[in-house]
Every structure is written in C-alpha cells, then in structure tokens.
C-alpha cells in the first residue's frame, strides 16, 4: 500500500492545472519513513534546466481535497 503522503501528493498533481498534466515525471524516491515528515524526490526527465526553473509545485487546496474525499 502506498505511503499516505504519496497518495496526497499524487492527488495534488492530478488536481493541478491541465498544463501540468503534460509533464513527464520519473519514479518517486521516498526517503522518509512512516510517521515522519514526507521527503521525496521526483525526477522531471524531459525538462531543460531553463524550463525546470519555471516549474511550480503546490499542494492542492483544502477544497480540492474535500471534493475528492481525501484527508489532507
């Protein structure tokens, strides 16, 4: 079963703007253990260094979590 924070992060990706859905992401590498603050790295293999500087990652709003029946 995936780490609970991983599910929240993935949900936030899906709830983001449509242009973000076109972004290719690599396999997530989770460094944190259960009941620790979530710490992970996700490669973005198709981005140039210039484009990478323009990427903004945010957690979805509480409203979006509620809409999809997820705990925040």
C-alpha atoms as a PDB file:
ATOM      1  CA  UNK A   1       0.000   0.000   0.000  1.00  0.00           C
ATOM      2  CA  UNK A   2       1.475   3.400  -0.953  1.00  0.00           C
ATOM      3  CA  UNK A   3       2.640   5.815   1.726  1.00  0.00           C
ATOM      4  CA  UNK A   4      -0.356   8.066   2.674  1.00  0.00           C
ATOM      5  CA  UNK A   5       1.571  11.249   1.849  1.00  0.00           C
ATOM      6  CA  UNK A   6       2.409   9.801  -1.546  1.00  0.00           C
ATOM      7  CA  UNK A   7      -1.298   9.450  -2.290  1.00  0.00           C
ATOM      8  CA  UNK A   8      -1.872  13.091  -1.291  1.00  0.00           C
ATOM      9  CA  UNK A   9       0.992  14.262  -3.459  1.00  0.00           C
ATOM     10  CA  UNK A  10      -0.269  12.283  -6.442  1.00  0.00           C
ATOM     11  CA  UNK A  11      -3.783  13.636  -5.894  1.00  0.00           C
ATOM     12  CA  UNK A  12      -2.413  17.176  -5.884  1.00  0.00           C
ATOM     13  CA  UNK A  13      -0.712  16.528  -9.219  1.00  0.00           C
ATOM     14  CA  UNK A  14      -3.982  15.343 -10.708  1.00  0.00           C
ATOM     15  CA  UNK A  15      -5.866  18.317  -9.297  1.00  0.00           C
ATOM     16  CA  UNK A  16      -3.433  20.860 -10.709  1.00  0.00           C
ATOM     17  CA  UNK A  17      -3.838  22.889 -13.876  1.00  0.00           C
ATOM     18  CA  UNK A  18      -4.270  20.997 -17.143  1.00  0.00           C
ATOM     19  CA  UNK A  19      -0.885  22.128 -18.456  1.00  0.00           C
ATOM     20  CA  UNK A  20       0.804  20.341 -15.552  1.00  0.00           C
ATOM     21  CA  UNK A  21      -0.727  17.052 -16.635  1.00  0.00           C
ATOM     22  CA  UNK A  22       1.509  17.047 -19.711  1.00  0.00           C
ATOM     23  CA  UNK A  23       4.643  16.989 -17.552  1.00  0.00           C
ATOM     24  CA  UNK A  24       6.536  13.704 -17.598  1.00  0.00           C
ATOM     25  CA  UNK A  25       7.622  12.611 -14.144  1.00  0.00           C
ATOM     26  CA  UNK A  26      10.064   9.892 -13.197  1.00  0.00           C
ATOM     27  CA  UNK A  27       9.678   7.328 -10.447  1.00  0.00           C
ATOM     28  CA  UNK A  28       9.267   8.826  -6.997  1.00  0.00           C
ATOM     29  CA  UNK A  29      12.018   8.102  -4.474  1.00  0.00           C
ATOM     30  CA  UNK A  30      10.707   8.357  -0.912  1.00  0.00           C
ATOM     31  CA  UNK A  31      13.385   8.986   1.724  1.00  0.00           C
ATOM     32  CA  UNK A  32      11.082   9.368   4.751  1.00  0.00           C
ATOM     33  CA  UNK A  33       9.690   6.571   6.895  1.00  0.00           C
ATOM     34  CA  UNK A  34       6.152   6.098   8.147  1.00  0.00           C
ATOM     35  CA  UNK A  35       5.038   8.811  10.622  1.00  0.00           C
ATOM     36  CA  UNK A  36       7.856  11.139   9.524  1.00  0.00           C
ATOM     37  CA  UNK A  37       7.548  14.321   7.503  1.00  0.00           C
ATOM     38  CA  UNK A  38       7.220  13.378   3.854  1.00  0.00           C
ATOM     39  CA  UNK A  39      10.523  13.636   1.994  1.00  0.00           C
ATOM     40  CA  UNK A  40      10.768  12.512  -1.619  1.00  0.00           C
ATOM     41  CA  UNK A  41      12.445  13.256  -4.929  1.00  0.00           C
ATOM     42  CA  UNK A  42      10.671  13.065  -8.272  1.00  0.00           C
ATOM     43  CA  UNK A  43      12.801  13.404 -11.415  1.00  0.00           C
ATOM     44  CA  UNK A  44      11.478  15.522 -14.289  1.00  0.00           C
ATOM     45  CA  UNK A  45      13.447  13.938 -17.151  1.00  0.00           C
ATOM     46  CA  UNK A  46      12.089  15.881 -20.128  1.00  0.00           C
ATOM     47  CA  UNK A  47      12.639  19.389 -18.783  1.00  0.00           C
ATOM     48  CA  UNK A  48      15.550  21.571 -19.759  1.00  0.00           C
ATOM     49  CA  UNK A  49      17.338  23.435 -16.935  1.00  0.00           C
ATOM     50  CA  UNK A  50      15.642  26.658 -18.100  1.00  0.00           C
ATOM     51  CA  UNK A  51      12.179  25.075 -18.005  1.00  0.00           C
ATOM     52  CA  UNK A  52      12.907  23.472 -14.634  1.00  0.00           C
ATOM     53  CA  UNK A  53      13.414  26.943 -13.147  1.00  0.00           C
ATOM     54  CA  UNK A  54       9.831  27.801 -14.142  1.00  0.00           C
ATOM     55  CA  UNK A  55       8.158  24.756 -12.554  1.00  0.00           C
ATOM     56  CA  UNK A  56       5.959  25.460  -9.551  1.00  0.00           C
ATOM     57  CA  UNK A  57       4.713  22.610  -7.360  1.00  0.00           C
ATOM     58  CA  UNK A  58       1.986  23.211  -4.804  1.00  0.00           C
ATOM     59  CA  UNK A  59      -0.299  21.152  -2.606  1.00  0.00           C
ATOM     60  CA  UNK A  60      -3.937  21.240  -3.670  1.00  0.00           C
ATOM     61  CA  UNK A  61      -6.320  23.493  -1.764  1.00  0.00           C
ATOM     62  CA  UNK A  62      -8.420  22.091   1.095  1.00  0.00           C
ATOM     63  CA  UNK A  63     -11.462  22.469  -1.169  1.00  0.00           C
ATOM     64  CA  UNK A  64      -9.947  20.140  -3.753  1.00  0.00           C
ATOM     65  CA  UNK A  65      -9.139  17.543  -1.099  1.00  0.00           C
ATOM     66  CA  UNK A  66     -12.757  17.701   0.107  1.00  0.00           C
ATOM     67  CA  UNK A  67     -14.073  17.456  -3.449  1.00  0.00           C
ATOM     68  CA  UNK A  68     -12.227  14.171  -3.976  1.00  0.00           C
ATOM     69  CA  UNK A  69     -12.955  12.814  -0.493  1.00  0.00           C
ATOM     70  CA  UNK A  70      -9.306  12.861   0.610  1.00  0.00           C
ATOM     71  CA  UNK A  71      -7.861  13.689   4.020  1.00  0.00           C
ATOM     72  CA  UNK A  72      -5.344  16.488   3.967  1.00  0.00           C
END
